[in-house]
PDB file of all heavy atoms in Angstrom:
ATOM      1  N   LYS A   1       4.618  -3.139 -10.479  1.00  0.00           N
ATOM      2  CA  LYS A   1       3.934  -3.656 -11.637  1.00  0.00           C
ATOM      3  C   LYS A   1       3.601  -5.080 -11.529  1.00  0.00           C
ATOM      4  O   LYS A   1       2.434  -5.575 -11.789  1.00  0.00           O
ATOM      5  CB  LYS A   1       4.821  -3.527 -12.907  1.00  0.00           C
ATOM      6  CG  LYS A   1       4.082  -3.907 -14.222  1.00  0.00           C
ATOM      7  CD  LYS A   1       5.017  -3.577 -15.454  1.00  0.00           C
ATOM      8  CE  LYS A   1       4.305  -3.910 -16.742  1.00  0.00           C
ATOM      9  NZ  LYS A   1       5.170  -3.662 -17.921  1.00  0.00           N
ATOM     10  N   ILE A   2       4.397  -5.882 -10.906  1.00  0.00           N
ATOM     11  CA  ILE A   2       4.177  -7.331 -10.609  1.00  0.00           C
ATOM     12  C   ILE A   2       3.105  -7.423  -9.530  1.00  0.00           C
ATOM     13  O   ILE A   2       2.193  -8.179  -9.680  1.00  0.00           O
ATOM     14  CB  ILE A   2       5.452  -8.006 -10.210  1.00  0.00           C
ATOM     15  CG1 ILE A   2       6.439  -8.082 -11.329  1.00  0.00           C
ATOM     16  CG2 ILE A   2       5.108  -9.475  -9.749  1.00  0.00           C
ATOM     17  CD1 ILE A   2       7.833  -8.662 -10.968  1.00  0.00           C
ATOM     18  N   GLN A   3       3.232  -6.590  -8.511  1.00  0.00           N
ATOM     19  CA  GLN A   3       2.214  -6.589  -7.464  1.00  0.00           C
ATOM     20  C   GLN A   3       0.854  -6.193  -7.964  1.00  0.00           C
ATOM     21  O   GLN A   3      -0.177  -6.885  -7.553  1.00  0.00           O
ATOM     22  CB  GLN A   3       2.667  -5.633  -6.401  1.00  0.00           C
ATOM     23  CG  GLN A   3       1.747  -5.688  -5.116  1.00  0.00           C
ATOM     24  CD  GLN A   3       2.253  -4.715  -4.054  1.00  0.00           C
ATOM     25  OE1 GLN A   3       2.787  -3.665  -4.376  1.00  0.00           O
ATOM     26  NE2 GLN A   3       2.052  -5.042  -2.796  1.00  0.00           N
ATOM     27  N   HIS A   4       0.769  -5.196  -8.888  1.00  0.00           N
ATOM     28  CA  HIS A   4      -0.525  -4.827  -9.485  1.00  0.00           C
ATOM     29  C   HIS A   4      -1.128  -5.923 -10.268  1.00  0.00           C
ATOM     30  O   HIS A   4      -2.416  -6.165 -10.256  1.00  0.00           O
ATOM     31  CB  HIS A   4      -0.330  -3.507 -10.299  1.00  0.00           C
ATOM     32  CG  HIS A   4      -1.590  -3.112 -10.968  1.00  0.00           C
ATOM     33  ND1 HIS A   4      -2.005  -3.500 -12.165  1.00  0.00           N
ATOM     34  CD2 HIS A   4      -2.549  -2.236 -10.460  1.00  0.00           C
ATOM     35  CE1 HIS A   4      -3.115  -2.909 -12.475  1.00  0.00           C
ATOM     36  NE2 HIS A   4      -3.561  -2.198 -11.486  1.00  0.00           N
ATOM     37  N   PHE A   5      -0.261  -6.734 -10.915  1.00  0.00           N
ATOM     38  CA  PHE A   5      -0.843  -7.783 -11.754  1.00  0.00           C
ATOM     39  C   PHE A   5      -1.429  -8.892 -10.904  1.00  0.00           C
ATOM     40  O   PHE A   5      -2.513  -9.366 -11.220  1.00  0.00           O
ATOM     41  CB  PHE A   5       0.335  -8.329 -12.635  1.00  0.00           C
ATOM     42  CG  PHE A   5      -0.082  -9.662 -13.355  1.00  0.00           C
ATOM     43  CD1 PHE A   5      -0.768  -9.609 -14.514  1.00  0.00           C
ATOM     44  CD2 PHE A   5       0.329 -10.913 -12.844  1.00  0.00           C
ATOM     45  CE1 PHE A   5      -1.182 -10.740 -15.186  1.00  0.00           C
ATOM     46  CE2 PHE A   5      -0.020 -12.066 -13.502  1.00  0.00           C
ATOM     47  CZ  PHE A   5      -0.751 -11.992 -14.674  1.00  0.00           C
ATOM     48  N   PHE A   6      -0.705  -9.293  -9.801  1.00  0.00           N
ATOM     49  CA  PHE A   6      -1.194 -10.392  -9.012  1.00  0.00           C
ATOM     50  C   PHE A   6      -2.313 -10.008  -8.112  1.00  0.00           C
ATOM     51  O   PHE A   6      -3.149 -10.846  -7.720  1.00  0.00           O
ATOM     52  CB  PHE A   6      -0.019 -10.976  -8.156  1.00  0.00           C
ATOM     53  CG  PHE A   6       0.816 -11.932  -8.974  1.00  0.00           C
ATOM     54  CD1 PHE A   6       2.051 -11.493  -9.412  1.00  0.00           C
ATOM     55  CD2 PHE A   6       0.445 -13.273  -9.164  1.00  0.00           C
ATOM     56  CE1 PHE A   6       2.827 -12.414 -10.200  1.00  0.00           C
ATOM     57  CE2 PHE A   6       1.208 -14.142  -9.798  1.00  0.00           C
ATOM     58  CZ  PHE A   6       2.433 -13.692 -10.297  1.00  0.00           C
ATOM     59  N   LEU A   7      -2.398  -8.690  -7.831  1.00  0.00           N
ATOM     60  CA  LEU A   7      -3.495  -8.313  -6.836  1.00  0.00           C
ATOM     61  C   LEU A   7      -4.676  -7.708  -7.514  1.00  0.00           C
ATOM     62  O   LEU A   7      -5.737  -7.529  -6.941  1.00  0.00           O
ATOM     63  CB  LEU A   7      -2.845  -7.274  -5.806  1.00  0.00           C
ATOM     64  CG  LEU A   7      -1.848  -7.790  -4.901  1.00  0.00           C
ATOM     65  CD1 LEU A   7      -1.343  -6.749  -3.914  1.00  0.00           C
ATOM     66  CD2 LEU A   7      -2.329  -9.007  -4.066  1.00  0.00           C
ATOM     67  N   VAL A   8      -4.534  -7.275  -8.789  1.00  0.00           N
ATOM     68  CA  VAL A   8      -5.672  -6.580  -9.432  1.00  0.00           C
ATOM     69  C   VAL A   8      -5.891  -7.307 -10.754  1.00  0.00           C
ATOM     70  O   VAL A   8      -7.062  -7.812 -10.955  1.00  0.00           O
ATOM     71  CB  VAL A   8      -5.288  -5.094  -9.669  1.00  0.00           C
ATOM     72  CG1 VAL A   8      -6.449  -4.409 -10.426  1.00  0.00           C
ATOM     73  CG2 VAL A   8      -5.103  -4.419  -8.318  1.00  0.00           C
ATOM     74  N   GLN A   9      -5.018  -7.207 -11.720  1.00  0.00           N
ATOM     75  CA  GLN A   9      -5.285  -7.658 -13.063  1.00  0.00           C
ATOM     76  C   GLN A   9      -5.593  -9.103 -13.171  1.00  0.00           C
ATOM     77  O   GLN A   9      -6.456  -9.521 -13.973  1.00  0.00           O
ATOM     78  CB  GLN A   9      -4.124  -7.322 -13.975  1.00  0.00           C
ATOM     79  CG  GLN A   9      -4.294  -7.613 -15.434  1.00  0.00           C
ATOM     80  CD  GLN A   9      -3.012  -7.211 -16.271  1.00  0.00           C
ATOM     81  OE1 GLN A   9      -2.126  -6.535 -15.803  1.00  0.00           O
ATOM     82  NE2 GLN A   9      -3.055  -7.672 -17.548  1.00  0.00           N
ATOM     83  N   LEU A  10      -4.963  -9.898 -12.359  1.00  0.00           N
ATOM     84  CA  LEU A  10      -5.157 -11.336 -12.424  1.00  0.00           C
ATOM     85  C   LEU A  10      -6.489 -11.747 -12.066  1.00  0.00           C
ATOM     86  O   LEU A  10      -7.112 -12.755 -12.587  1.00  0.00           O
ATOM     87  CB  LEU A  10      -4.089 -12.062 -11.451  1.00  0.00           C
ATOM     88  CG  LEU A  10      -4.200 -13.593 -11.392  1.00  0.00           C
ATOM     89  CD1 LEU A  10      -3.762 -14.214 -12.709  1.00  0.00           C
ATOM     90  CD2 LEU A  10      -3.247 -14.074 -10.315  1.00  0.00           C
ATOM     91  N   TRP A  11      -7.217 -10.956 -11.182  1.00  0.00           N
ATOM     92  CA  TRP A  11      -8.578 -11.330 -10.749  1.00  0.00           C
ATOM     93  C   TRP A  11      -9.656 -10.623 -11.473  1.00  0.00           C
ATOM     94  O   TRP A  11     -10.772 -11.032 -11.406  1.00  0.00           O
ATOM     95  CB  TRP A  11      -8.563 -11.024  -9.216  1.00  0.00           C
ATOM     96  CG  TRP A  11      -7.501 -11.732  -8.439  1.00  0.00           C
ATOM     97  CD1 TRP A  11      -6.345 -11.142  -8.055  1.00  0.00           C
ATOM     98  CD2 TRP A  11      -7.461 -13.108  -8.066  1.00  0.00           C
ATOM     99  NE1 TRP A  11      -5.562 -12.112  -7.464  1.00  0.00           N
ATOM    100  CE2 TRP A  11      -6.238 -13.304  -7.471  1.00  0.00           C
ATOM    101  CE3 TRP A  11      -8.365 -14.196  -8.245  1.00  0.00           C
ATOM    102  CZ2 TRP A  11      -5.850 -14.566  -6.845  1.00  0.00           C
ATOM    103  CZ3 TRP A  11      -7.980 -15.371  -7.654  1.00  0.00           C
ATOM    104  CH2 TRP A  11      -6.794 -15.557  -7.033  1.00  0.00           C
ATOM    105  N   ARG A  12      -9.311  -9.555 -12.192  1.00  0.00           N
ATOM    106  CA  ARG A  12     -10.285  -8.844 -12.960  1.00  0.00           C
ATOM    107  C   ARG A  12     -10.510  -9.398 -14.330  1.00  0.00           C
ATOM    108  O   ARG A  12     -11.505  -9.109 -14.995  1.00  0.00           O
ATOM    109  CB  ARG A  12      -9.887  -7.358 -13.062  1.00  0.00           C
ATOM    110  CG  ARG A  12     -10.004  -6.540 -11.793  1.00  0.00           C
ATOM    111  CD  ARG A  12      -9.662  -5.100 -12.020  1.00  0.00           C
ATOM    112  NE  ARG A  12      -9.896  -4.292 -10.778  1.00  0.00           N
ATOM    113  CZ  ARG A  12      -9.582  -3.038 -10.700  1.00  0.00           C
ATOM    114  NH1 ARG A  12      -9.183  -2.374 -11.806  1.00  0.00           N
ATOM    115  NH2 ARG A  12      -9.758  -2.390  -9.547  1.00  0.00           N
ATOM    116  N   GLU A  13      -9.605 -10.213 -14.784  1.00  0.00           N
ATOM    117  CA  GLU A  13      -9.659 -10.833 -16.157  1.00  0.00           C
ATOM    118  C   GLU A  13     -10.856 -11.733 -16.208  1.00  0.00           C
ATOM    119  O   GLU A  13     -11.070 -12.599 -15.440  1.00  0.00           O
ATOM    120  CB  GLU A  13      -8.316 -11.617 -16.399  1.00  0.00           C
ATOM    121  CG  GLU A  13      -8.300 -12.141 -17.875  1.00  0.00           C
ATOM    122  CD  GLU A  13      -7.834 -11.121 -18.808  1.00  0.00           C
ATOM    123  OE1 GLU A  13      -7.552 -10.023 -18.399  1.00  0.00           O
ATOM    124  OE2 GLU A  13      -7.973 -11.354 -20.065  1.00  0.00           O
ATOM    125  N   ASP A  14     -11.692 -11.482 -17.313  1.00  0.00           N
ATOM    126  CA  ASP A  14     -12.844 -12.340 -17.579  1.00  0.00           C
ATOM    127  C   ASP A  14     -12.404 -13.555 -18.408  1.00  0.00           C
ATOM    128  O   ASP A  14     -12.064 -13.332 -19.583  1.00  0.00           O
ATOM    129  CB  ASP A  14     -13.890 -11.552 -18.351  1.00  0.00           C
ATOM    130  CG  ASP A  14     -15.167 -12.339 -18.474  1.00  0.00           C
ATOM    131  OD1 ASP A  14     -15.268 -13.473 -17.862  1.00  0.00           O
ATOM    132  OD2 ASP A  14     -16.154 -11.885 -19.191  1.00  0.00           O
ATOM    133  N   LEU A  15     -12.339 -14.728 -17.822  1.00  0.00           N
ATOM    134  CA  LEU A  15     -11.787 -15.908 -18.519  1.00  0.00           C
ATOM    135  C   LEU A  15     -12.831 -16.588 -19.343  1.00  0.00           C
ATOM    136  O   LEU A  15     -12.454 -17.562 -20.038  1.00  0.00           O
ATOM    137  CB  LEU A  15     -11.248 -16.829 -17.482  1.00  0.00           C
ATOM    138  CG  LEU A  15     -10.129 -16.292 -16.540  1.00  0.00           C
ATOM    139  CD1 LEU A  15      -9.647 -17.356 -15.561  1.00  0.00           C
ATOM    140  CD2 LEU A  15      -8.943 -15.731 -17.410  1.00  0.00           C
ATOM    141  N   THR A  16     -14.086 -16.218 -19.274  1.00  0.00           N
ATOM    142  CA  THR A  16     -15.111 -16.876 -20.107  1.00  0.00           C
ATOM    143  C   THR A  16     -14.907 -16.749 -21.580  1.00  0.00           C
ATOM    144  O   THR A  16     -15.294 -17.658 -22.345  1.00  0.00           O
ATOM    145  CB  THR A  16     -16.465 -16.415 -19.643  1.00  0.00           C
ATOM    146  OG1 THR A  16     -16.672 -14.978 -19.777  1.00  0.00           O
ATOM    147  CG2 THR A  16     -16.796 -16.750 -18.217  1.00  0.00           C
ATOM    148  N   GLU A  17     -14.454 -15.566 -21.974  1.00  0.00           N
ATOM    149  CA  GLU A  17     -14.278 -15.362 -23.366  1.00  0.00           C
ATOM    150  C   GLU A  17     -12.840 -15.378 -23.821  1.00  0.00           C
ATOM    151  O   GLU A  17     -12.501 -15.088 -24.958  1.00  0.00           O
ATOM    152  CB  GLU A  17     -14.845 -13.900 -23.655  1.00  0.00           C
ATOM    153  CG  GLU A  17     -16.264 -13.786 -23.382  1.00  0.00           C
ATOM    154  CD  GLU A  17     -16.813 -12.371 -23.748  1.00  0.00           C
ATOM    155  OE1 GLU A  17     -15.946 -11.521 -24.151  1.00  0.00           O
ATOM    156  OE2 GLU A  17     -17.997 -12.163 -23.550  1.00  0.00           O
ATOM    157  N   ALA A  18     -11.879 -15.739 -22.911  1.00  0.00           N
ATOM    158  CA  ALA A  18     -10.418 -15.808 -23.272  1.00  0.00           C
ATOM    159  C   ALA A  18     -10.185 -17.139 -23.990  1.00  0.00           C
ATOM    160  O   ALA A  18     -10.927 -18.142 -23.935  1.00  0.00           O
ATOM    161  CB  ALA A  18      -9.620 -15.776 -21.937  1.00  0.00           C
ATOM    162  N   ASN A  19      -9.101 -17.182 -24.747  1.00  0.00           N
ATOM    163  CA  ASN A  19      -8.689 -18.405 -25.410  1.00  0.00           C
ATOM    164  C   ASN A  19      -8.185 -19.430 -24.452  1.00  0.00           C
ATOM    165  O   ASN A  19      -7.771 -19.045 -23.274  1.00  0.00           O
ATOM    166  CB  ASN A  19      -7.586 -18.073 -26.498  1.00  0.00           C
ATOM    167  CG  ASN A  19      -6.303 -17.557 -25.829  1.00  0.00           C
ATOM    168  OD1 ASN A  19      -5.573 -18.233 -25.157  1.00  0.00           O
ATOM    169  ND2 ASN A  19      -6.071 -16.202 -26.044  1.00  0.00           N
ATOM    170  N   PRO A  20      -8.163 -20.689 -24.866  1.00  0.00           N
ATOM    171  CA  PRO A  20      -7.806 -21.749 -23.810  1.00  0.00           C
ATOM    172  C   PRO A  20      -6.459 -21.576 -23.178  1.00  0.00           C
ATOM    173  O   PRO A  20      -6.400 -21.838 -21.978  1.00  0.00           O
ATOM    174  CB  PRO A  20      -7.919 -23.091 -24.726  1.00  0.00           C
ATOM    175  CG  PRO A  20      -8.798 -22.741 -25.894  1.00  0.00           C
ATOM    176  CD  PRO A  20      -8.589 -21.321 -26.178  1.00  0.00           C
ATOM    177  N   VAL A  21      -5.509 -21.127 -23.952  1.00  0.00           N
ATOM    178  CA  VAL A  21      -4.116 -21.025 -23.324  1.00  0.00           C
ATOM    179  C   VAL A  21      -4.111 -19.921 -22.247  1.00  0.00           C
ATOM    180  O   VAL A  21      -3.583 -20.127 -21.193  1.00  0.00           O
ATOM    181  CB  VAL A  21      -3.096 -20.699 -24.450  1.00  0.00           C
ATOM    182  CG1 VAL A  21      -1.738 -20.445 -23.757  1.00  0.00           C
ATOM    183  CG2 VAL A  21      -3.021 -21.821 -25.429  1.00  0.00           C
ATOM    184  N   ARG A  22      -4.754 -18.788 -22.589  1.00  0.00           N
ATOM    185  CA  ARG A  22      -4.761 -17.723 -21.626  1.00  0.00           C
ATOM    186  C   ARG A  22      -5.643 -18.115 -20.484  1.00  0.00           C
ATOM    187  O   ARG A  22      -5.339 -17.728 -19.319  1.00  0.00           O
ATOM    188  CB  ARG A  22      -5.324 -16.426 -22.251  1.00  0.00           C
ATOM    189  CG  ARG A  22      -5.350 -15.211 -21.489  1.00  0.00           C
ATOM    190  CD  ARG A  22      -5.787 -14.043 -22.157  1.00  0.00           C
ATOM    191  NE  ARG A  22      -5.788 -12.800 -21.434  1.00  0.00           N
ATOM    192  CZ  ARG A  22      -4.675 -12.037 -21.279  1.00  0.00           C
ATOM    193  NH1 ARG A  22      -3.587 -12.346 -21.894  1.00  0.00           N
ATOM    194  NH2 ARG A  22      -4.712 -10.921 -20.568  1.00  0.00           N
ATOM    195  N   ARG A  23      -6.785 -18.791 -20.674  1.00  0.00           N
ATOM    196  CA  ARG A  23      -7.695 -19.188 -19.545  1.00  0.00           C
ATOM    197  C   ARG A  23      -6.977 -20.145 -18.610  1.00  0.00           C
ATOM    198  O   ARG A  23      -6.978 -19.907 -17.423  1.00  0.00           O
ATOM    199  CB  ARG A  23      -8.896 -19.866 -20.111  1.00  0.00           C
ATOM    200  CG  ARG A  23      -9.929 -20.264 -19.028  1.00  0.00           C
ATOM    201  CD  ARG A  23     -11.265 -20.613 -19.629  1.00  0.00           C
ATOM    202  NE  ARG A  23     -11.219 -21.733 -20.578  1.00  0.00           N
ATOM    203  CZ  ARG A  23     -11.321 -21.587 -21.940  1.00  0.00           C
ATOM    204  NH1 ARG A  23     -11.565 -20.446 -22.483  1.00  0.00           N
ATOM    205  NH2 ARG A  23     -11.278 -22.684 -22.821  1.00  0.00           N
ATOM    206  N   TRP A  24      -6.313 -21.128 -19.070  1.00  0.00           N
ATOM    207  CA  TRP A  24      -5.618 -22.065 -18.285  1.00  0.00           C
ATOM    208  C   TRP A  24      -4.411 -21.495 -17.547  1.00  0.00           C
ATOM    209  O   TRP A  24      -4.091 -21.747 -16.412  1.00  0.00           O
ATOM    210  CB  TRP A  24      -5.240 -23.305 -18.998  1.00  0.00           C
ATOM    211  CG  TRP A  24      -6.337 -24.306 -19.318  1.00  0.00           C
ATOM    212  CD1 TRP A  24      -7.015 -24.442 -20.525  1.00  0.00           C
ATOM    213  CD2 TRP A  24      -7.067 -25.057 -18.365  1.00  0.00           C
ATOM    214  NE1 TRP A  24      -7.979 -25.303 -20.390  1.00  0.00           N
ATOM    215  CE2 TRP A  24      -8.119 -25.740 -19.055  1.00  0.00           C
ATOM    216  CE3 TRP A  24      -6.916 -25.322 -17.051  1.00  0.00           C
ATOM    217  CZ2 TRP A  24      -8.934 -26.656 -18.489  1.00  0.00           C
ATOM    218  CZ3 TRP A  24      -7.704 -26.267 -16.444  1.00  0.00           C
ATOM    219  CH2 TRP A  24      -8.785 -26.892 -17.124  1.00  0.00           C
ATOM    220  N   GLY A  25      -3.690 -20.551 -18.312  1.00  0.00           N
ATOM    221  CA  GLY A  25      -2.640 -19.883 -17.661  1.00  0.00           C
ATOM    222  C   GLY A  25      -3.026 -19.049 -16.561  1.00  0.00           C
ATOM    223  O   GLY A  25      -2.384 -19.035 -15.491  1.00  0.00           O
ATOM    224  N   PHE A  26      -4.072 -18.285 -16.696  1.00  0.00           N
ATOM    225  CA  PHE A  26      -4.616 -17.386 -15.562  1.00  0.00           C
ATOM    226  C   PHE A  26      -5.088 -18.261 -14.420  1.00  0.00           C
ATOM    227  O   PHE A  26      -4.877 -17.838 -13.257  1.00  0.00           O
ATOM    228  CB  PHE A  26      -5.677 -16.430 -16.124  1.00  0.00           C
ATOM    229  CG  PHE A  26      -5.120 -15.159 -16.519  1.00  0.00           C
ATOM    230  CD1 PHE A  26      -4.402 -15.034 -17.747  1.00  0.00           C
ATOM    231  CD2 PHE A  26      -5.427 -13.983 -15.858  1.00  0.00           C
ATOM    232  CE1 PHE A  26      -3.917 -13.816 -18.123  1.00  0.00           C
ATOM    233  CE2 PHE A  26      -4.917 -12.737 -16.233  1.00  0.00           C
ATOM    234  CZ  PHE A  26      -4.176 -12.654 -17.427  1.00  0.00           C
ATOM    235  N   ARG A  27      -5.772 -19.329 -14.754  1.00  0.00           N
ATOM    236  CA  ARG A  27      -6.246 -20.178 -13.594  1.00  0.00           C
ATOM    237  C   ARG A  27      -5.069 -20.778 -12.824  1.00  0.00           C
ATOM    238  O   ARG A  27      -5.110 -20.854 -11.573  1.00  0.00           O
ATOM    239  CB  ARG A  27      -7.183 -21.325 -14.213  1.00  0.00           C
ATOM    240  CG  ARG A  27      -8.451 -20.813 -14.621  1.00  0.00           C
ATOM    241  CD  ARG A  27      -9.284 -21.940 -15.231  1.00  0.00           C
ATOM    242  NE  ARG A  27     -10.689 -21.488 -15.590  1.00  0.00           N
ATOM    243  CZ  ARG A  27     -11.507 -22.163 -16.232  1.00  0.00           C
ATOM    244  NH1 ARG A  27     -11.238 -23.470 -16.606  1.00  0.00           N
ATOM    245  NH2 ARG A  27     -12.806 -21.755 -16.499  1.00  0.00           N
ATOM    246  N   LEU A  28      -4.038 -21.139 -13.555  1.00  0.00           N
ATOM    247  CA  LEU A  28      -2.819 -21.697 -12.904  1.00  0.00           C
ATOM    248  C   LEU A  28      -2.173 -20.676 -12.035  1.00  0.00           C
ATOM    249  O   LEU A  28      -1.821 -20.993 -10.910  1.00  0.00           O
ATOM    250  CB  LEU A  28      -1.851 -22.252 -13.975  1.00  0.00           C
ATOM    251  CG  LEU A  28      -0.531 -22.835 -13.371  1.00  0.00           C
ATOM    252  CD1 LEU A  28      -0.818 -24.006 -12.412  1.00  0.00           C
ATOM    253  CD2 LEU A  28       0.426 -23.244 -14.472  1.00  0.00           C
ATOM    254  N   LEU A  29      -2.038 -19.453 -12.513  1.00  0.00           N
ATOM    255  CA  LEU A  29      -1.484 -18.368 -11.743  1.00  0.00           C
ATOM    256  C   LEU A  29      -2.329 -18.075 -10.495  1.00  0.00           C
ATOM    257  O   LEU A  29      -1.742 -17.807  -9.376  1.00  0.00           O
ATOM    258  CB  LEU A  29      -1.252 -17.145 -12.557  1.00  0.00           C
ATOM    259  CG  LEU A  29      -0.187 -17.235 -13.665  1.00  0.00           C
ATOM    260  CD1 LEU A  29      -0.176 -15.950 -14.533  1.00  0.00           C
ATOM    261  CD2 LEU A  29       1.208 -17.396 -13.007  1.00  0.00           C
ATOM    262  N   ARG A  30      -3.617 -18.081 -10.684  1.00  0.00           N
ATOM    263  CA  ARG A  30      -4.454 -17.829  -9.489  1.00  0.00           C
ATOM    264  C   ARG A  30      -4.268 -18.905  -8.385  1.00  0.00           C
ATOM    265  O   ARG A  30      -4.235 -18.631  -7.239  1.00  0.00           O
ATOM    266  CB  ARG A  30      -5.955 -17.814  -9.974  1.00  0.00           C
ATOM    267  CG  ARG A  30      -6.256 -16.616 -10.764  1.00  0.00           C
ATOM    268  CD  ARG A  30      -7.781 -16.658 -11.130  1.00  0.00           C
ATOM    269  NE  ARG A  30      -8.114 -15.479 -11.922  1.00  0.00           N
ATOM    270  CZ  ARG A  30      -9.297 -15.224 -12.489  1.00  0.00           C
ATOM    271  NH1 ARG A  30     -10.279 -16.192 -12.359  1.00  0.00           N
ATOM    272  NH2 ARG A  30      -9.643 -14.145 -13.222  1.00  0.00           N
ATOM    273  N   ILE A  31      -4.247 -20.170  -8.874  1.00  0.00           N
ATOM    274  CA  ILE A  31      -3.995 -21.253  -7.858  1.00  0.00           C
ATOM    275  C   ILE A  31      -2.674 -21.176  -7.194  1.00  0.00           C
ATOM    276  O   ILE A  31      -2.501 -21.294  -5.975  1.00  0.00           O
ATOM    277  CB  ILE A  31      -4.168 -22.643  -8.568  1.00  0.00           C
ATOM    278  CG1 ILE A  31      -5.648 -22.868  -9.041  1.00  0.00           C
ATOM    279  CG2 ILE A  31      -3.797 -23.734  -7.676  1.00  0.00           C
ATOM    280  CD1 ILE A  31      -5.849 -24.092  -9.829  1.00  0.00           C
ATOM    281  N   LEU A  32      -1.638 -20.874  -7.971  1.00  0.00           N
ATOM    282  CA  LEU A  32      -0.311 -20.691  -7.412  1.00  0.00           C
ATOM    283  C   LEU A  32      -0.254 -19.550  -6.399  1.00  0.00           C
ATOM    284  O   LEU A  32       0.451 -19.603  -5.316  1.00  0.00           O
ATOM    285  CB  LEU A  32       0.750 -20.484  -8.462  1.00  0.00           C
ATOM    286  CG  LEU A  32       1.027 -21.689  -9.453  1.00  0.00           C
ATOM    287  CD1 LEU A  32       1.974 -21.297 -10.525  1.00  0.00           C
ATOM    288  CD2 LEU A  32       1.561 -22.912  -8.628  1.00  0.00           C
ATOM    289  N   TYR A  33      -0.992 -18.488  -6.736  1.00  0.00           N
ATOM    290  CA  TYR A  33      -1.017 -17.348  -5.821  1.00  0.00           C
ATOM    291  C   TYR A  33      -1.672 -17.657  -4.505  1.00  0.00           C
ATOM    292  O   TYR A  33      -1.163 -17.369  -3.421  1.00  0.00           O
ATOM    293  CB  TYR A  33      -1.720 -16.172  -6.485  1.00  0.00           C
ATOM    294  CG  TYR A  33      -1.951 -15.024  -5.538  1.00  0.00           C
ATOM    295  CD1 TYR A  33      -0.991 -14.050  -5.318  1.00  0.00           C
ATOM    296  CD2 TYR A  33      -3.196 -14.812  -4.802  1.00  0.00           C
ATOM    297  CE1 TYR A  33      -1.143 -13.065  -4.398  1.00  0.00           C
ATOM    298  CE2 TYR A  33      -3.329 -13.843  -3.978  1.00  0.00           C
ATOM    299  CZ  TYR A  33      -2.403 -12.885  -3.695  1.00  0.00           C
ATOM    300  OH  TYR A  33      -2.558 -11.919  -2.758  1.00  0.00           O
ATOM    301  N   VAL A  34      -2.870 -18.305  -4.562  1.00  0.00           N
ATOM    302  CA  VAL A  34      -3.555 -18.711  -3.321  1.00  0.00           C
ATOM    303  C   VAL A  34      -2.702 -19.749  -2.505  1.00  0.00           C
ATOM    304  O   VAL A  34      -2.719 -19.664  -1.237  1.00  0.00           O
ATOM    305  CB  VAL A  34      -4.980 -19.176  -3.576  1.00  0.00           C
ATOM    306  CG1 VAL A  34      -5.801 -18.043  -4.235  1.00  0.00           C
ATOM    307  CG2 VAL A  34      -5.026 -20.364  -4.451  1.00  0.00           C
ATOM    308  N   LEU A  35      -2.037 -20.656  -3.218  1.00  0.00           N
ATOM    309  CA  LEU A  35      -1.210 -21.607  -2.442  1.00  0.00           C
ATOM    310  C   LEU A  35      -0.016 -20.895  -1.736  1.00  0.00           C
ATOM    311  O   LEU A  35       0.240 -21.186  -0.649  1.00  0.00           O
ATOM    312  CB  LEU A  35      -0.691 -22.628  -3.383  1.00  0.00           C
ATOM    313  CG  LEU A  35      -1.714 -23.651  -3.925  1.00  0.00           C
ATOM    314  CD1 LEU A  35      -1.178 -24.502  -5.038  1.00  0.00           C
ATOM    315  CD2 LEU A  35      -2.333 -24.556  -2.786  1.00  0.00           C
TER     316      LEU A  35
END
């Protein structure tokens, strides 16, 4: 479940229409993942 979130769900999420907290949270998780 965690692997599916970081490899699929995290990158399919459309952040343009998300609320600020969710948008910044997903961006932070993406940066942490690539680092």
